[in-house]
N, C-alpha and C. Protein backbone atom coordinates (compact mmCIF):
# COMPACT_ATOMS: atom_id res chain seq x y z
N MET A 1 -9.98 14.51 -1.31
CA MET A 1 -10.98 13.43 -1.66
C MET A 1 -11.14 13.87 -3.44
N GLU A 2 -10.98 15.33 -3.52
CA GLU A 2 -11.32 15.35 -5.05
C GLU A 2 -9.74 15.30 -5.79
N LEU A 3 -9.00 15.27 -5.14
CA LEU A 3 -7.43 14.95 -5.73
C LEU A 3 -7.60 13.53 -6.11
N ILE A 4 -8.03 12.39 -5.37
CA ILE A 4 -8.42 11.21 -5.89
C ILE A 4 -9.12 10.98 -6.74
N GLU A 5 -10.47 11.53 -7.02
CA GLU A 5 -11.39 11.94 -8.19
C GLU A 5 -10.46 12.31 -9.84
N HIS A 6 -9.71 13.14 -9.10
CA HIS A 6 -8.83 13.55 -10.21
C HIS A 6 -8.06 13.10 -10.92
N TYR A 7 -7.47 11.86 -10.74
CA TYR A 7 -6.13 11.12 -11.37
C TYR A 7 -7.46 8.92 -11.23
N PHE A 8 -8.52 9.30 -10.69
CA PHE A 8 -9.38 8.09 -10.85
C PHE A 8 -11.10 8.64 -10.85
N PRO A 9 -11.11 9.01 -11.90
CA PRO A 9 -12.55 9.34 -12.25
C PRO A 9 -13.58 8.19 -12.44
N ASN A 10 -13.16 7.22 -12.49
CA ASN A 10 -14.16 6.13 -12.61
C ASN A 10 -14.71 5.52 -11.35
N LEU A 11 -14.42 6.10 -10.49
CA LEU A 11 -14.68 5.43 -8.92
C LEU A 11 -16.64 5.31 -9.12
N SER A 12 -16.47 4.08 -8.17
CA SER A 12 -18.15 4.12 -7.77
C SER A 12 -18.67 5.12 -7.24
N GLU A 13 -19.77 5.08 -6.53
CA GLU A 13 -19.99 6.21 -5.30
C GLU A 13 -19.95 5.14 -4.03
N ARG A 14 -19.58 3.92 -4.00
CA ARG A 14 -19.34 3.20 -2.91
C ARG A 14 -18.00 3.56 -2.89
N GLN A 15 -17.12 3.34 -3.99
CA GLN A 15 -15.64 3.93 -3.61
C GLN A 15 -15.70 5.40 -3.19
N LYS A 16 -16.08 6.24 -3.93
CA LYS A 16 -16.37 7.72 -3.25
C LYS A 16 -16.49 7.60 -1.55
N GLN A 17 -17.34 7.18 -1.41
CA GLN A 17 -18.18 7.28 0.02
C GLN A 17 -16.77 6.61 1.25
N GLN A 18 -16.88 5.41 0.31
CA GLN A 18 -15.10 5.00 1.60
C GLN A 18 -13.75 5.74 0.95
N ILE A 19 -13.60 6.56 0.34
CA ILE A 19 -12.57 7.42 0.35
C ILE A 19 -12.79 8.36 0.81
N ASP A 20 -13.75 8.72 0.82
CA ASP A 20 -14.04 9.87 1.84
C ASP A 20 -14.51 9.54 3.56
N GLN A 21 -14.57 8.77 3.55
CA GLN A 21 -14.14 8.23 5.06
C GLN A 21 -13.15 7.90 5.56
N LEU A 22 -12.10 8.41 4.94
CA LEU A 22 -10.50 7.82 5.74
C LEU A 22 -10.33 8.53 6.43
N LEU A 23 -10.22 10.27 6.00
CA LEU A 23 -9.69 11.12 6.75
C LEU A 23 -10.37 11.27 7.82
N PRO A 24 -11.41 11.33 8.64
CA PRO A 24 -11.99 10.87 9.90
C PRO A 24 -11.46 10.01 10.60
N LEU A 25 -11.97 8.80 9.78
CA LEU A 25 -11.31 7.28 10.52
C LEU A 25 -9.68 7.39 10.80
N TYR A 26 -9.32 8.07 10.23
CA TYR A 26 -7.69 7.78 10.34
C TYR A 26 -7.26 9.51 11.48
N THR A 27 -8.18 10.34 11.62
CA THR A 27 -8.16 11.58 12.56
C THR A 27 -8.34 10.63 13.89
N THR A 28 -9.32 9.89 13.95
CA THR A 28 -10.17 9.40 15.47
C THR A 28 -8.65 8.32 15.53
N TRP A 29 -8.84 7.86 14.81
CA TRP A 29 -7.71 6.41 15.15
C TRP A 29 -6.66 6.87 15.72
N ASN A 30 -6.08 8.30 15.03
CA ASN A 30 -4.39 8.36 15.37
C ASN A 30 -4.54 9.23 16.43
N GLU A 31 -5.74 9.74 17.05
CA GLU A 31 -5.32 10.32 18.52
C GLU A 31 -5.30 9.31 19.22
N LYS A 32 -5.93 8.08 19.11
CA LYS A 32 -5.48 7.16 20.33
C LYS A 32 -4.10 6.23 19.93
N ILE A 33 -3.87 6.09 18.58
CA ILE A 33 -2.74 5.19 18.08
C ILE A 33 -2.03 5.65 17.09
N ASN A 34 -0.63 6.42 17.73
CA ASN A 34 0.18 7.52 16.14
C ASN A 34 0.41 6.28 15.12
N VAL A 35 -0.50 6.36 14.18
CA VAL A 35 -0.02 5.62 13.16
C VAL A 35 0.37 6.79 11.56
N ILE A 36 0.12 7.61 11.63
CA ILE A 36 0.16 8.80 10.83
C ILE A 36 0.88 10.21 11.32
N SER A 37 2.54 10.80 10.67
CA SER A 37 2.70 12.06 11.83
C SER A 37 1.35 13.18 11.55
N ARG A 38 1.60 13.87 12.50
CA ARG A 38 0.56 15.23 12.48
C ARG A 38 0.71 15.82 11.36
N LYS A 39 1.83 16.22 10.40
CA LYS A 39 2.13 16.64 9.32
C LYS A 39 1.33 16.44 7.73
N ASP A 40 1.03 14.68 8.26
CA ASP A 40 0.84 14.05 7.13
C ASP A 40 -0.78 14.10 7.67
N ILE A 41 -1.47 14.60 8.17
CA ILE A 41 -2.65 14.24 8.28
C ILE A 41 -2.90 15.43 7.67
N ASP A 42 -2.52 16.54 7.53
CA ASP A 42 -2.88 17.67 6.55
C ASP A 42 -2.83 17.42 5.35
N ASN A 43 -1.98 16.92 5.00
CA ASN A 43 -1.79 16.13 3.82
C ASN A 43 -1.99 14.38 3.44
N PHE A 44 -3.06 14.21 4.16
CA PHE A 44 -3.19 13.07 3.88
C PHE A 44 -3.91 12.27 2.77
N TYR A 45 -4.82 13.00 1.92
CA TYR A 45 -5.05 12.12 0.40
C TYR A 45 -3.88 12.33 -0.80
N GLU A 46 -3.01 13.09 -0.32
CA GLU A 46 -1.81 13.08 -1.36
C GLU A 46 -0.45 12.34 -1.04
N ARG A 47 -0.45 12.16 0.39
CA ARG A 47 0.97 11.34 0.95
C ARG A 47 0.25 10.23 1.49
N HIS A 48 -0.92 9.57 1.27
CA HIS A 48 -1.41 8.07 1.84
C HIS A 48 -1.61 7.79 1.04
N VAL A 49 -3.33 8.01 0.57
CA VAL A 49 -4.25 7.57 0.16
C VAL A 49 -3.77 7.38 -1.63
N LEU A 50 -3.32 8.47 -2.08
CA LEU A 50 -3.03 8.89 -3.43
C LEU A 50 -1.77 8.15 -3.43
N HIS A 51 -0.57 8.42 -2.76
CA HIS A 51 0.76 7.67 -2.79
C HIS A 51 0.38 6.11 -3.12
N SER A 52 -0.74 5.52 -2.01
CA SER A 52 -0.48 4.04 -1.97
C SER A 52 -0.87 3.69 -3.68
N LEU A 53 -1.91 4.75 -4.27
CA LEU A 53 -2.75 4.27 -5.59
C LEU A 53 -2.03 4.54 -6.66
N ALA A 54 -0.92 4.78 -6.59
CA ALA A 54 0.53 4.70 -7.68
C ALA A 54 0.51 3.56 -8.08
N ILE A 55 0.31 2.59 -6.91
CA ILE A 55 0.59 1.04 -7.77
C ILE A 55 -0.81 0.73 -8.87
N ALA A 56 -1.86 1.20 -8.66
CA ALA A 56 -3.05 0.85 -9.56
C ALA A 56 -2.59 1.91 -10.68
N LYS A 57 -1.74 2.88 -11.11
CA LYS A 57 -1.48 3.13 -12.36
C LYS A 57 -0.31 1.95 -12.74
N VAL A 58 -0.19 1.29 -12.49
CA VAL A 58 1.22 0.28 -13.13
C VAL A 58 0.57 -1.30 -13.64
N ILE A 59 -0.30 -1.43 -12.43
CA ILE A 59 -1.12 -2.79 -12.23
C ILE A 59 -2.57 -2.99 -11.92
N SER A 60 -3.35 -3.59 -12.41
CA SER A 60 -4.58 -3.68 -12.25
C SER A 60 -4.84 -5.48 -11.68
N PHE A 61 -5.07 -5.39 -10.61
CA PHE A 61 -5.60 -6.43 -9.67
C PHE A 61 -6.56 -6.93 -10.47
N GLU A 62 -6.79 -8.78 -10.57
CA GLU A 62 -7.76 -9.24 -11.14
C GLU A 62 -8.71 -9.76 -9.95
N ALA A 63 -9.94 -10.04 -10.21
CA ALA A 63 -10.71 -10.66 -9.21
C ALA A 63 -10.17 -11.91 -8.93
N GLY A 64 -10.12 -12.52 -7.44
CA GLY A 64 -9.44 -13.44 -6.95
C GLY A 64 -8.02 -14.02 -6.59
N ASP A 65 -7.54 -12.52 -7.05
CA ASP A 65 -5.77 -12.68 -7.28
C ASP A 65 -5.71 -12.23 -5.17
N THR A 66 -4.60 -12.54 -4.65
CA THR A 66 -3.99 -12.24 -3.66
C THR A 66 -3.20 -11.45 -3.31
N VAL A 67 -2.97 -10.73 -3.06
CA VAL A 67 -2.14 -9.55 -2.16
C VAL A 67 -1.58 -9.36 -1.01
N LEU A 68 -0.47 -9.32 -0.83
CA LEU A 68 0.01 -9.54 0.89
C LEU A 68 0.85 -7.85 0.76
N ASP A 69 0.40 -7.22 1.56
CA ASP A 69 1.37 -6.06 2.35
C ASP A 69 1.85 -6.12 3.40
N ILE A 70 3.31 -6.14 3.09
CA ILE A 70 4.06 -6.35 4.01
C ILE A 70 4.46 -4.80 4.80
N GLY A 71 4.54 -4.87 5.71
CA GLY A 71 4.61 -4.00 6.86
C GLY A 71 3.80 -2.66 6.56
N THR A 72 2.36 -3.10 6.70
CA THR A 72 1.43 -2.51 6.34
C THR A 72 1.20 -0.85 7.06
N GLY A 73 1.95 -1.03 8.49
CA GLY A 73 1.76 0.17 9.40
C GLY A 73 0.43 0.70 9.43
N GLY A 74 -0.15 1.68 9.29
CA GLY A 74 -1.66 2.10 9.22
C GLY A 74 -2.59 1.57 8.42
N GLY A 75 -2.18 0.85 7.09
CA GLY A 75 -2.58 0.20 6.43
C GLY A 75 -2.34 0.62 4.82
N PHE A 76 -0.87 0.87 4.56
CA PHE A 76 -1.05 1.64 3.26
C PHE A 76 0.40 0.67 2.76
N PRO A 77 0.11 0.70 1.51
CA PRO A 77 -0.58 0.95 0.74
C PRO A 77 -2.16 -0.34 0.72
N GLY A 78 -2.53 -0.95 1.56
CA GLY A 78 -3.48 -1.90 1.16
C GLY A 78 -4.58 -1.48 1.68
N ILE A 79 -4.98 -0.55 1.92
CA ILE A 79 -6.35 -0.12 2.53
C ILE A 79 -6.92 0.72 0.85
N PRO A 80 -6.13 1.57 0.52
CA PRO A 80 -6.71 2.11 -0.37
C PRO A 80 -7.12 1.68 -1.31
N LEU A 81 -5.85 0.62 -1.75
CA LEU A 81 -5.81 -0.60 -3.26
C LEU A 81 -7.27 -1.50 -2.85
N ALA A 82 -7.45 -1.69 -1.43
CA ALA A 82 -8.97 -2.48 -1.39
C ALA A 82 -9.71 -1.81 -1.87
N ILE A 83 -10.00 -0.54 -1.54
CA ILE A 83 -11.01 -0.28 -1.88
C ILE A 83 -11.56 -0.13 -3.44
N LEU A 84 -10.24 0.21 -3.75
CA LEU A 84 -10.26 0.31 -5.68
C LEU A 84 -10.25 -1.26 -5.87
N PHE A 85 -9.90 -2.27 -5.47
CA PHE A 85 -9.99 -3.73 -5.94
C PHE A 85 -10.75 -4.17 -4.94
N PRO A 86 -12.15 -4.33 -5.50
CA PRO A 86 -12.75 -4.94 -3.99
C PRO A 86 -13.04 -6.19 -4.33
N GLN A 87 -12.82 -7.22 -5.32
CA GLN A 87 -12.67 -8.63 -5.71
C GLN A 87 -11.60 -8.77 -5.65
N THR A 88 -10.14 -8.21 -5.32
CA THR A 88 -9.11 -8.44 -4.77
C THR A 88 -8.73 -9.05 -3.71
N GLN A 89 -8.08 -9.88 -2.79
CA GLN A 89 -8.01 -10.33 -1.41
C GLN A 89 -6.63 -9.96 -1.06
N PHE A 90 -6.81 -9.35 0.26
CA PHE A 90 -5.59 -8.26 0.37
C PHE A 90 -5.50 -8.59 1.91
N ILE A 91 -3.82 -9.37 2.41
CA ILE A 91 -3.27 -9.62 4.00
C ILE A 91 -2.41 -8.61 3.96
N LEU A 92 -3.08 -7.93 5.37
CA LEU A 92 -2.35 -6.62 5.66
C LEU A 92 -1.83 -7.24 6.72
N VAL A 93 0.00 -7.35 6.75
CA VAL A 93 0.80 -7.52 7.61
C VAL A 93 1.41 -6.68 8.28
N ASP A 94 1.58 -6.56 9.69
CA ASP A 94 2.73 -5.35 10.81
C ASP A 94 3.00 -6.50 12.13
N SER A 95 4.24 -6.34 12.21
CA SER A 95 4.39 -7.11 13.47
C SER A 95 4.27 -5.85 14.74
N ILE A 96 3.66 -5.03 14.43
CA ILE A 96 3.15 -3.82 15.66
C ILE A 96 1.69 -4.02 15.99
N GLY A 97 1.40 -5.29 17.10
CA GLY A 97 -0.04 -5.47 17.11
C GLY A 97 -1.08 -4.02 17.01
N LYS A 98 -0.41 -3.15 17.87
CA LYS A 98 -1.59 -1.79 17.81
C LYS A 98 -1.96 -1.14 16.39
N LYS A 99 -0.74 -1.18 15.48
CA LYS A 99 -1.22 -0.90 14.25
C LYS A 99 -1.87 -2.22 13.62
N ILE A 100 -2.16 -2.85 13.74
CA ILE A 100 -2.62 -3.74 13.11
C ILE A 100 -4.60 -3.89 13.95
N THR A 101 -4.55 -3.13 15.06
CA THR A 101 -5.73 -3.17 15.38
C THR A 101 -6.60 -2.31 15.02
N VAL A 102 -5.86 -0.96 14.34
CA VAL A 102 -6.18 -0.02 13.43
C VAL A 102 -6.51 -0.27 12.42
N VAL A 103 -5.92 -1.07 11.65
CA VAL A 103 -6.00 -1.44 10.04
C VAL A 103 -7.40 -2.13 10.42
N ALA A 104 -7.38 -3.20 11.28
CA ALA A 104 -8.94 -3.98 11.69
C ALA A 104 -9.80 -3.24 11.61
N GLU A 105 -9.77 -2.05 12.25
CA GLU A 105 -11.14 -1.41 12.65
C GLU A 105 -11.14 -0.45 11.61
N ILE A 106 -10.33 0.29 10.95
CA ILE A 106 -10.81 0.77 9.67
C ILE A 106 -11.50 -0.09 8.39
N ALA A 107 -11.11 -1.25 8.54
CA ALA A 107 -11.37 -2.05 7.37
C ALA A 107 -12.69 -2.22 7.55
N LYS A 108 -13.01 -2.42 9.14
CA LYS A 108 -14.54 -2.66 9.56
C LYS A 108 -15.40 -1.99 8.95
N ALA A 109 -15.09 -0.04 9.68
CA ALA A 109 -15.73 0.69 9.46
C ALA A 109 -16.16 0.90 8.08
N LEU A 110 -15.15 0.61 7.31
CA LEU A 110 -15.23 0.91 5.68
C LEU A 110 -16.35 -0.47 5.26
N GLU A 111 -16.75 -1.49 6.00
CA GLU A 111 -17.16 -2.80 5.50
C GLU A 111 -16.17 -3.41 4.19
N LEU A 112 -14.81 -3.48 4.27
CA LEU A 112 -13.97 -4.01 3.19
C LEU A 112 -14.01 -5.37 3.84
N LYS A 113 -14.54 -6.54 3.14
CA LYS A 113 -14.37 -7.49 3.18
C LYS A 113 -13.22 -8.06 2.58
N ASN A 114 -12.58 -7.78 2.18
CA ASN A 114 -11.51 -8.56 1.52
C ASN A 114 -10.28 -8.29 1.80
N VAL A 115 -10.53 -7.55 2.97
CA VAL A 115 -8.67 -7.00 4.00
C VAL A 115 -9.07 -8.14 4.94
N HIS A 116 -7.82 -8.68 5.11
CA HIS A 116 -7.05 -9.50 6.33
C HIS A 116 -6.22 -9.10 7.28
N ALA A 117 -6.27 -8.83 8.12
CA ALA A 117 -5.12 -7.58 9.21
C ALA A 117 -4.65 -9.00 10.12
N LYS A 118 -3.41 -9.18 9.79
CA LYS A 118 -2.71 -9.88 10.70
C LYS A 118 -1.20 -9.71 11.70
N VAL A 119 -0.92 -9.65 12.82
CA VAL A 119 -0.17 -9.61 13.31
C VAL A 119 0.94 -10.48 13.02
N ASP A 120 1.97 -10.33 12.81
CA ASP A 120 3.14 -11.41 12.01
C ASP A 120 3.79 -10.95 11.37
N ARG A 121 5.09 -11.29 11.45
CA ARG A 121 6.78 -11.05 10.24
C ARG A 121 6.21 -11.29 8.78
N ALA A 122 6.65 -10.25 8.45
CA ALA A 122 6.54 -10.90 6.51
C ALA A 122 6.94 -12.62 6.41
N GLU A 123 8.54 -12.58 6.88
CA GLU A 123 8.97 -14.21 6.37
C GLU A 123 8.40 -15.18 7.34
N HIS A 124 6.98 -14.62 8.19
CA HIS A 124 6.43 -16.22 9.05
C HIS A 124 5.47 -16.69 7.89
N ILE A 125 5.16 -15.70 7.01
CA ILE A 125 3.92 -15.68 6.51
C ILE A 125 4.04 -17.12 5.62
N GLN A 126 3.87 -18.21 5.30
CA GLN A 126 4.04 -19.24 4.40
C GLN A 126 3.24 -19.27 3.11
N GLN A 127 2.22 -18.31 3.26
CA GLN A 127 0.84 -19.25 1.77
C GLN A 127 1.55 -18.57 0.91
N PRO A 128 1.50 -19.13 0.01
CA PRO A 128 1.37 -18.15 -1.65
C PRO A 128 0.76 -17.10 -1.71
N VAL A 129 1.13 -16.09 -2.67
CA VAL A 129 0.10 -14.92 -2.97
C VAL A 129 0.74 -14.53 -4.41
N ASP A 130 -0.14 -14.05 -5.46
CA ASP A 130 -0.23 -13.34 -6.65
C ASP A 130 1.14 -11.91 -6.31
N TYR A 131 0.78 -11.00 -5.34
CA TYR A 131 1.18 -10.52 -5.43
C TYR A 131 2.05 -9.52 -3.90
N ILE A 132 3.12 -9.08 -3.92
CA ILE A 132 3.23 -8.69 -3.03
C ILE A 132 3.53 -6.85 -2.76
N VAL A 133 3.09 -6.11 -1.81
CA VAL A 133 2.73 -4.55 -2.41
C VAL A 133 3.63 -4.19 -0.80
N THR A 134 4.25 -3.00 -0.88
CA THR A 134 4.63 -2.69 0.00
C THR A 134 5.16 -0.92 0.10
N ARG A 135 5.14 -0.28 1.24
CA ARG A 135 5.54 1.49 1.13
C ARG A 135 6.72 1.69 1.93
N ALA A 136 8.12 1.80 1.54
CA ALA A 136 9.21 2.17 2.60
C ALA A 136 9.36 1.41 3.88
N VAL A 137 9.79 -0.12 3.22
CA VAL A 137 9.50 -0.74 4.52
C VAL A 137 11.06 -1.61 5.11
N ALA A 138 11.28 -2.14 3.79
CA ALA A 138 13.11 -2.56 4.24
C ALA A 138 13.34 -2.27 2.84
N ARG A 139 14.65 -2.83 2.64
CA ARG A 139 15.46 -2.52 1.56
C ARG A 139 15.03 -3.97 0.46
N MET A 140 14.69 -3.50 -0.35
CA MET A 140 14.73 -4.66 -1.56
C MET A 140 15.22 -6.21 -1.30
N GLU A 141 16.15 -6.14 -1.30
CA GLU A 141 17.22 -7.98 -0.92
C GLU A 141 16.51 -8.28 0.30
N ASP A 142 15.65 -7.35 1.61
CA ASP A 142 14.87 -8.00 2.53
C ASP A 142 13.89 -8.54 2.06
N LEU A 143 13.10 -7.46 1.43
CA LEU A 143 12.25 -8.35 0.27
C LEU A 143 11.88 -9.57 -0.16
N LEU A 144 12.71 -9.33 -1.40
CA LEU A 144 13.16 -10.52 -1.78
C LEU A 144 13.47 -12.25 -1.16
N ARG A 145 13.89 -11.61 -0.55
CA ARG A 145 14.52 -12.82 0.63
C ARG A 145 13.20 -13.33 1.32
N TRP A 146 12.07 -12.52 2.28
CA TRP A 146 10.82 -12.49 2.53
C TRP A 146 9.94 -13.18 1.57
N SER A 147 10.01 -12.83 0.25
CA SER A 147 8.83 -13.48 -0.21
C SER A 147 9.28 -14.91 -1.05
N LYS A 148 10.33 -15.57 -0.78
CA LYS A 148 10.98 -16.91 -1.24
C LYS A 148 9.85 -17.90 -1.31
N ASN A 149 8.88 -18.17 -0.28
CA ASN A 149 8.24 -18.79 -0.14
C ASN A 149 6.82 -18.93 -0.69
N LYS A 150 6.51 -17.75 -0.84
CA LYS A 150 5.20 -17.25 -1.16
C LYS A 150 5.00 -16.90 -2.84
N HIS A 151 6.15 -17.13 -3.59
CA HIS A 151 5.99 -16.88 -5.12
C HIS A 151 4.76 -16.05 -5.37
N PRO A 152 5.27 -14.73 -5.54
CA PRO A 152 4.58 -14.12 -6.40
C PRO A 152 5.04 -13.60 -7.42
N LYS A 153 4.27 -13.51 -8.58
CA LYS A 153 4.25 -12.69 -9.33
C LYS A 153 5.15 -11.49 -10.05
N LYS A 154 4.92 -10.61 -8.67
CA LYS A 154 5.59 -9.10 -8.96
C LYS A 154 5.48 -8.93 -7.10
N ILE A 155 6.96 -8.02 -6.82
CA ILE A 155 6.73 -7.31 -5.65
C ILE A 155 6.65 -6.03 -6.00
N ILE A 156 5.67 -4.85 -5.55
CA ILE A 156 5.79 -3.77 -6.13
C ILE A 156 6.03 -3.05 -4.89
N ALA A 157 7.23 -2.24 -4.99
CA ALA A 157 7.51 -1.16 -3.69
C ALA A 157 7.30 0.08 -3.68
N LEU A 158 6.59 0.75 -3.09
CA LEU A 158 6.90 2.36 -3.29
C LEU A 158 8.01 3.01 -2.51
N LYS A 159 8.81 3.60 -2.98
CA LYS A 159 10.32 3.78 -2.40
C LYS A 159 10.62 5.41 -2.88
N GLY A 160 11.51 6.35 -2.05
CA GLY A 160 11.71 7.29 -2.69
C GLY A 160 12.91 7.41 -2.65
N GLY A 161 13.76 8.72 -3.28
CA GLY A 161 15.04 9.00 -3.00
C GLY A 161 16.23 8.35 -3.97
N ASP A 162 17.13 7.90 -3.88
CA ASP A 162 18.20 7.70 -4.29
C ASP A 162 18.42 5.74 -4.56
N LEU A 163 18.20 4.96 -5.37
CA LEU A 163 17.83 3.90 -5.24
C LEU A 163 18.98 3.01 -5.67
N LYS A 164 20.23 3.67 -5.94
CA LYS A 164 21.33 3.32 -7.40
C LYS A 164 22.18 2.24 -6.07
N GLU A 165 22.11 2.29 -5.45
CA GLU A 165 23.05 1.79 -4.08
C GLU A 165 22.29 0.21 -3.77
N GLU A 166 21.17 0.64 -3.08
CA GLU A 166 20.14 -0.51 -2.86
C GLU A 166 19.54 -1.57 -4.15
N LEU A 167 19.61 -0.93 -5.42
CA LEU A 167 18.95 -1.80 -6.42
C LEU A 167 20.36 -2.44 -7.23
N SER A 168 21.56 -2.06 -6.61
CA SER A 168 22.79 -2.90 -7.56
C SER A 168 23.11 -3.87 -7.22
N ASP A 169 23.19 -4.74 -6.45
CA ASP A 169 23.25 -6.14 -6.09
C ASP A 169 21.96 -7.13 -6.65
N ILE A 170 21.07 -6.66 -6.96
CA ILE A 170 19.59 -7.17 -7.19
C ILE A 170 19.66 -8.02 -8.43
N LYS A 171 19.64 -9.35 -8.37
CA LYS A 171 19.97 -10.07 -10.04
C LYS A 171 18.50 -10.15 -10.47
N ARG A 172 17.57 -9.51 -10.06
CA ARG A 172 16.04 -9.53 -10.75
C ARG A 172 15.71 -9.08 -11.38
N ASN A 173 14.88 -9.12 -12.62
CA ASN A 173 14.38 -8.17 -13.32
C ASN A 173 13.86 -6.96 -12.47
N ILE A 174 14.35 -5.94 -12.60
CA ILE A 174 13.91 -4.60 -11.57
C ILE A 174 13.12 -3.75 -13.02
N ARG A 175 12.17 -3.12 -12.48
CA ARG A 175 12.06 -2.10 -13.52
C ARG A 175 11.27 -0.91 -12.36
N LEU A 176 11.71 0.47 -12.68
CA LEU A 176 11.65 1.69 -11.94
C LEU A 176 10.39 2.13 -12.87
N VAL A 177 9.81 3.06 -12.17
CA VAL A 177 8.72 4.14 -12.56
C VAL A 177 8.29 5.09 -11.53
N ALA A 178 8.42 6.38 -12.55
CA ALA A 178 8.50 7.53 -11.33
C ALA A 178 7.26 7.91 -11.26
N ILE A 179 6.48 7.89 -9.93
CA ILE A 179 5.18 8.45 -10.03
C ILE A 179 5.39 9.92 -10.53
N SER A 180 5.81 10.84 -10.50
CA SER A 180 5.73 11.69 -11.06
C SER A 180 5.54 11.80 -12.40
N ASP A 181 5.52 10.66 -13.37
CA ASP A 181 4.79 10.67 -14.76
C ASP A 181 3.30 10.43 -14.98
N PHE A 182 2.88 10.50 -13.35
CA PHE A 182 1.44 10.34 -13.40
C PHE A 182 0.42 11.02 -12.25
N PHE A 183 1.31 11.68 -11.38
CA PHE A 183 1.22 12.10 -10.11
C PHE A 183 1.66 13.66 -10.45
N LYS A 184 1.48 14.75 -10.45
CA LYS A 184 1.95 16.31 -10.68
C LYS A 184 1.93 16.23 -8.58
N GLY A 185 2.68 17.57 -8.35
CA GLY A 185 3.45 17.84 -7.51
C GLY A 185 4.55 17.37 -6.49
N ASP A 186 4.94 18.60 -5.76
CA ASP A 186 6.21 18.12 -5.44
C ASP A 186 6.52 16.53 -3.86
N PHE A 187 5.62 16.65 -3.86
CA PHE A 187 5.63 14.95 -2.66
C PHE A 187 6.20 13.86 -3.73
N PHE A 188 5.82 14.11 -5.26
CA PHE A 188 5.87 12.98 -5.56
C PHE A 188 6.92 12.89 -6.72
N GLU A 189 7.92 14.08 -6.55
CA GLU A 189 8.71 14.53 -7.24
C GLU A 189 10.45 12.76 -7.18
N THR A 190 10.67 12.80 -6.35
CA THR A 190 11.48 11.83 -6.07
C THR A 190 10.99 10.53 -5.64
N LYS A 191 9.58 9.89 -5.86
CA LYS A 191 9.04 9.16 -5.59
C LYS A 191 8.92 7.75 -6.46
N LYS A 192 9.31 6.63 -6.14
CA LYS A 192 9.26 5.82 -7.58
C LYS A 192 8.45 4.62 -7.23
N LEU A 193 7.94 3.80 -8.29
CA LEU A 193 7.71 2.60 -7.88
C LEU A 193 8.85 1.37 -8.33
N VAL A 194 9.23 0.20 -7.28
CA VAL A 194 10.08 -0.54 -7.83
C VAL A 194 9.27 -1.93 -8.42
N ILE A 195 9.32 -2.29 -9.45
CA ILE A 195 8.61 -3.31 -9.77
C ILE A 195 9.32 -5.08 -10.05
N CYS A 196 9.79 -5.46 -9.58
CA CYS A 196 10.15 -6.87 -9.49
C CYS A 196 9.78 -8.31 -9.92
N GLN A 197 10.30 -8.71 -10.84
CA GLN A 197 9.44 -9.62 -11.43
C GLN A 197 10.28 -10.92 -11.50
């Protein structure tokens, strides 16, 4: 929790409480439905919460914006972003029902009124959204294909490793941002934000 406050010093008391509740909530749910690997639970705030919040270092969502989190899994990056941007609406989508059960229950426990959890495939969501976010879920060409009918201003993907080959055929305007530019630690050394507009 201190790690999050170090990089986000302007959190409200309510946001601090919600972030503080994340680890016990995920630990409890993870025993019933495995959404986070056991070793990642030990580094939960760095590898899940802070990693998700890297998106907030490059974009500030506005009140009334709608953000679609494709392949949210256990709720990342959507849940941490929803805590940080309470006036923004977040639709968290995953095709695996039990993962969405966890997301919905955690959002309910945190009283996140701006989170809408849905069991669905990204390509089936028809409504237009302002932004699409995702974390290591699919290749960029798939994300672009799935986002066509949604008309987002930007797609922001958290990715790792060498992205040259994956991005070589993309004809859209792409910006790569190294997460190590703003978060310190070995975990972030190879992590990137891929911003496509």
